[in-house]
Amino acid sequence: MAALLVTYDLNSPGQRHADLLEFLKKTFAWAKLSESSYAISTNKTPAQVFAQLKPYIDKNDQIYVLTLNRPYIGQGKKAVNDWLEQHL
């Protein structure tokens, strides 16, 4: 499985933040990296994940799906660090 980064900025009006988060959390194994950045584990490509997220975004929103891999460095919660160690 690949680990991907989903990072977004949903701009008003018509913001569907809760819907996007609900979809991410029910569809993928995930770890919250920051307020609007999630690492997810999936067999899908970034393009496939983006296509799944497209119904939750508007034309004025910003969203990126990027591949994560080692090496990496950072500081954060132990649970996130453990998730990254397991999935990268």
N, C-alpha and C. Protein backbone atom coordinates (compact mmCIF):
# COMPACT_ATOMS: atom_id res chain seq x y z
N MET A 1 0.83 -1.19 0.00
CA MET A 1 0.00 0.00 0.00
C MET A 1 0.87 1.25 0.00
N ALA A 2 0.36 2.28 -0.60
CA ALA A 2 1.07 3.55 -0.63
C ALA A 2 0.52 4.47 0.46
N ALA A 3 1.37 5.38 0.89
CA ALA A 3 0.94 6.44 1.80
C ALA A 3 0.89 7.72 0.99
N LEU A 4 -0.23 8.41 1.10
CA LEU A 4 -0.43 9.66 0.37
C LEU A 4 -0.72 10.78 1.36
N LEU A 5 -0.38 11.98 0.96
CA LEU A 5 -0.70 13.17 1.72
C LEU A 5 -1.87 13.86 1.03
N VAL A 6 -2.92 14.13 1.78
CA VAL A 6 -4.04 14.93 1.29
C VAL A 6 -4.02 16.22 2.09
N THR A 7 -3.80 17.32 1.41
CA THR A 7 -3.77 18.62 2.06
C THR A 7 -4.71 19.55 1.32
N TYR A 8 -5.47 20.34 2.07
CA TYR A 8 -6.51 21.13 1.44
C TYR A 8 -6.74 22.45 2.17
N ASP A 9 -7.37 23.36 1.43
CA ASP A 9 -7.87 24.62 1.98
C ASP A 9 -9.20 24.85 1.29
N LEU A 10 -10.28 24.57 2.01
CA LEU A 10 -11.61 24.73 1.45
C LEU A 10 -12.08 26.15 1.74
N ASN A 11 -12.22 26.93 0.70
CA ASN A 11 -12.58 28.33 0.80
C ASN A 11 -14.10 28.50 0.75
N SER A 12 -14.63 29.49 1.48
CA SER A 12 -16.06 29.79 1.45
C SER A 12 -16.39 30.44 0.11
N PRO A 13 -17.60 30.46 -0.32
CA PRO A 13 -18.79 29.83 0.26
C PRO A 13 -18.93 28.37 -0.17
N GLY A 14 -19.88 27.68 0.42
CA GLY A 14 -20.16 26.30 0.05
C GLY A 14 -19.16 25.31 0.59
N GLN A 15 -18.46 25.67 1.63
CA GLN A 15 -17.43 24.81 2.19
C GLN A 15 -18.04 23.50 2.69
N ARG A 16 -17.43 22.39 2.31
CA ARG A 16 -17.93 21.06 2.70
C ARG A 16 -16.87 20.31 3.49
N HIS A 17 -16.23 21.02 4.41
CA HIS A 17 -15.13 20.47 5.22
C HIS A 17 -15.55 19.18 5.92
N ALA A 18 -16.70 19.19 6.59
CA ALA A 18 -17.15 18.03 7.35
C ALA A 18 -17.38 16.83 6.43
N ASP A 19 -17.95 17.06 5.26
CA ASP A 19 -18.20 15.97 4.32
C ASP A 19 -16.90 15.35 3.82
N LEU A 20 -15.93 16.20 3.49
CA LEU A 20 -14.63 15.72 3.03
C LEU A 20 -13.95 14.89 4.11
N LEU A 21 -13.95 15.39 5.33
CA LEU A 21 -13.32 14.66 6.44
C LEU A 21 -14.02 13.33 6.70
N GLU A 22 -15.33 13.34 6.68
CA GLU A 22 -16.08 12.09 6.91
C GLU A 22 -15.71 11.05 5.85
N PHE A 23 -15.63 11.48 4.59
CA PHE A 23 -15.26 10.55 3.53
C PHE A 23 -13.85 10.01 3.74
N LEU A 24 -12.90 10.91 4.01
CA LEU A 24 -11.51 10.47 4.23
C LEU A 24 -11.42 9.45 5.36
N LYS A 25 -12.07 9.77 6.48
CA LYS A 25 -11.94 8.94 7.67
C LYS A 25 -12.64 7.59 7.55
N LYS A 26 -13.72 7.52 6.76
CA LYS A 26 -14.41 6.23 6.62
C LYS A 26 -13.82 5.38 5.50
N THR A 27 -13.06 6.00 4.59
CA THR A 27 -12.57 5.30 3.42
C THR A 27 -11.14 4.79 3.56
N PHE A 28 -10.32 5.49 4.32
CA PHE A 28 -8.88 5.18 4.38
C PHE A 28 -8.40 5.03 5.81
N ALA A 29 -7.32 4.27 5.99
CA ALA A 29 -6.55 4.36 7.24
C ALA A 29 -5.86 5.71 7.17
N TRP A 30 -5.86 6.47 8.25
CA TRP A 30 -5.38 7.84 8.18
C TRP A 30 -4.69 8.28 9.46
N ALA A 31 -3.94 9.36 9.33
CA ALA A 31 -3.33 10.06 10.47
C ALA A 31 -3.42 11.55 10.17
N LYS A 32 -3.86 12.32 11.15
CA LYS A 32 -3.99 13.77 10.99
C LYS A 32 -2.64 14.42 11.27
N LEU A 33 -2.05 15.03 10.24
CA LEU A 33 -0.74 15.66 10.38
C LEU A 33 -0.86 17.11 10.85
N SER A 34 -1.89 17.80 10.39
CA SER A 34 -2.14 19.18 10.81
C SER A 34 -3.62 19.46 10.59
N GLU A 35 -4.04 20.68 10.81
CA GLU A 35 -5.46 21.02 10.73
C GLU A 35 -6.10 20.60 9.41
N SER A 36 -5.39 20.72 8.32
CA SER A 36 -5.98 20.37 7.03
C SER A 36 -5.05 19.49 6.19
N SER A 37 -4.30 18.62 6.86
CA SER A 37 -3.41 17.68 6.17
C SER A 37 -3.53 16.30 6.80
N TYR A 38 -3.81 15.33 5.95
CA TYR A 38 -3.96 13.95 6.42
C TYR A 38 -3.06 13.04 5.60
N ALA A 39 -2.42 12.10 6.28
CA ALA A 39 -1.72 11.01 5.61
C ALA A 39 -2.73 9.87 5.52
N ILE A 40 -2.82 9.25 4.36
CA ILE A 40 -3.74 8.12 4.19
C ILE A 40 -2.98 6.94 3.60
N SER A 41 -3.48 5.75 3.85
CA SER A 41 -2.91 4.53 3.30
C SER A 41 -3.92 3.97 2.31
N THR A 42 -3.45 3.68 1.08
CA THR A 42 -4.36 3.22 0.04
C THR A 42 -3.59 2.51 -1.07
N ASN A 43 -4.30 1.71 -1.84
CA ASN A 43 -3.74 1.11 -3.06
C ASN A 43 -4.02 1.99 -4.27
N LYS A 44 -4.74 3.07 -4.08
CA LYS A 44 -5.10 3.96 -5.19
C LYS A 44 -3.97 4.94 -5.50
N THR A 45 -3.96 5.43 -6.72
CA THR A 45 -3.00 6.46 -7.13
C THR A 45 -3.47 7.82 -6.62
N PRO A 46 -2.57 8.82 -6.60
CA PRO A 46 -3.02 10.16 -6.24
C PRO A 46 -4.17 10.65 -7.14
N ALA A 47 -4.12 10.34 -8.43
CA ALA A 47 -5.19 10.76 -9.35
C ALA A 47 -6.53 10.11 -8.99
N GLN A 48 -6.49 8.84 -8.61
CA GLN A 48 -7.72 8.15 -8.23
C GLN A 48 -8.31 8.73 -6.94
N VAL A 49 -7.45 9.02 -5.97
CA VAL A 49 -7.92 9.62 -4.72
C VAL A 49 -8.48 11.01 -4.98
N PHE A 50 -7.79 11.79 -5.80
CA PHE A 50 -8.29 13.12 -6.14
C PHE A 50 -9.67 13.04 -6.78
N ALA A 51 -9.87 12.08 -7.67
CA ALA A 51 -11.18 11.90 -8.31
C ALA A 51 -12.26 11.58 -7.28
N GLN A 52 -11.91 10.81 -6.25
CA GLN A 52 -12.87 10.49 -5.19
C GLN A 52 -13.20 11.72 -4.36
N LEU A 53 -12.25 12.62 -4.19
CA LEU A 53 -12.45 13.81 -3.35
C LEU A 53 -13.11 14.96 -4.11
N LYS A 54 -13.06 14.92 -5.41
CA LYS A 54 -13.56 16.01 -6.25
C LYS A 54 -15.01 16.41 -5.94
N PRO A 55 -15.91 15.49 -5.64
CA PRO A 55 -17.29 15.90 -5.33
C PRO A 55 -17.40 16.77 -4.07
N TYR A 56 -16.37 16.78 -3.24
CA TYR A 56 -16.42 17.53 -1.98
C TYR A 56 -15.76 18.91 -2.07
N ILE A 57 -15.27 19.26 -3.24
CA ILE A 57 -14.57 20.54 -3.38
C ILE A 57 -15.25 21.43 -4.41
N ASP A 58 -15.03 22.73 -4.26
CA ASP A 58 -15.53 23.73 -5.20
C ASP A 58 -14.37 24.25 -6.04
N LYS A 59 -14.69 25.04 -7.06
CA LYS A 59 -13.67 25.57 -7.95
C LYS A 59 -12.67 26.48 -7.23
N ASN A 60 -13.10 27.12 -6.14
CA ASN A 60 -12.21 28.04 -5.43
C ASN A 60 -11.41 27.35 -4.32
N ASP A 61 -11.58 26.05 -4.14
CA ASP A 61 -10.84 25.31 -3.11
C ASP A 61 -9.45 24.92 -3.63
N GLN A 62 -8.58 24.65 -2.69
CA GLN A 62 -7.24 24.13 -3.01
C GLN A 62 -7.10 22.76 -2.36
N ILE A 63 -6.64 21.80 -3.13
CA ILE A 63 -6.44 20.45 -2.60
C ILE A 63 -5.33 19.78 -3.40
N TYR A 64 -4.47 19.08 -2.70
CA TYR A 64 -3.37 18.34 -3.32
C TYR A 64 -3.31 16.95 -2.74
N VAL A 65 -2.99 15.98 -3.59
CA VAL A 65 -2.77 14.60 -3.16
C VAL A 65 -1.37 14.23 -3.63
N LEU A 66 -0.49 13.96 -2.68
CA LEU A 66 0.92 13.70 -2.98
C LEU A 66 1.35 12.37 -2.39
N THR A 67 2.33 11.75 -3.02
CA THR A 67 2.88 10.50 -2.52
C THR A 67 3.86 10.78 -1.39
N LEU A 68 3.73 10.02 -0.31
CA LEU A 68 4.66 10.11 0.83
C LEU A 68 5.61 8.93 0.80
N ASN A 69 6.85 9.16 1.19
CA ASN A 69 7.80 8.05 1.31
C ASN A 69 8.94 8.44 2.23
N ARG A 70 9.78 7.50 2.49
CA ARG A 70 10.96 7.73 3.32
C ARG A 70 12.08 8.28 2.48
N PRO A 71 12.97 9.02 3.03
CA PRO A 71 13.04 9.45 4.42
C PRO A 71 12.09 10.62 4.67
N TYR A 72 11.75 10.77 5.91
CA TYR A 72 10.94 11.90 6.34
C TYR A 72 11.45 12.34 7.70
N ILE A 73 11.08 13.54 8.08
CA ILE A 73 11.47 14.06 9.39
C ILE A 73 10.35 14.96 9.87
N GLY A 74 10.12 15.00 11.13
CA GLY A 74 9.08 15.86 11.68
C GLY A 74 8.95 15.70 13.17
N GLN A 75 8.06 16.48 13.70
CA GLN A 75 7.78 16.46 15.13
C GLN A 75 6.28 16.52 15.30
N GLY A 76 5.75 15.65 16.12
CA GLY A 76 4.31 15.64 16.34
C GLY A 76 3.93 14.60 17.37
N LYS A 77 2.66 14.27 17.34
CA LYS A 77 2.11 13.32 18.30
C LYS A 77 2.67 11.92 18.06
N LYS A 78 2.83 11.19 19.15
CA LYS A 78 3.37 9.83 19.07
C LYS A 78 2.52 8.95 18.15
N ALA A 79 1.21 9.08 18.24
CA ALA A 79 0.33 8.26 17.39
C ALA A 79 0.57 8.52 15.91
N VAL A 80 0.81 9.76 15.55
CA VAL A 80 1.10 10.11 14.15
C VAL A 80 2.46 9.55 13.75
N ASN A 81 3.45 9.72 14.61
CA ASN A 81 4.78 9.18 14.34
C ASN A 81 4.73 7.67 14.16
N ASP A 82 3.97 7.00 15.00
CA ASP A 82 3.82 5.54 14.89
C ASP A 82 3.13 5.16 13.59
N TRP A 83 2.10 5.92 13.20
CA TRP A 83 1.38 5.66 11.95
C TRP A 83 2.35 5.79 10.77
N LEU A 84 3.13 6.85 10.76
CA LEU A 84 4.10 7.06 9.67
C LEU A 84 5.13 5.93 9.63
N GLU A 85 5.62 5.52 10.77
CA GLU A 85 6.58 4.41 10.82
C GLU A 85 5.97 3.13 10.25
N GLN A 86 4.70 2.91 10.49
CA GLN A 86 4.04 1.69 10.03
C GLN A 86 3.71 1.75 8.54
N HIS A 87 3.36 2.92 8.02
CA HIS A 87 2.83 3.00 6.66
C HIS A 87 3.81 3.53 5.61
N LEU A 88 4.95 4.06 6.03
CA LEU A 88 5.92 4.54 5.05
C LEU A 88 7.02 3.51 4.87
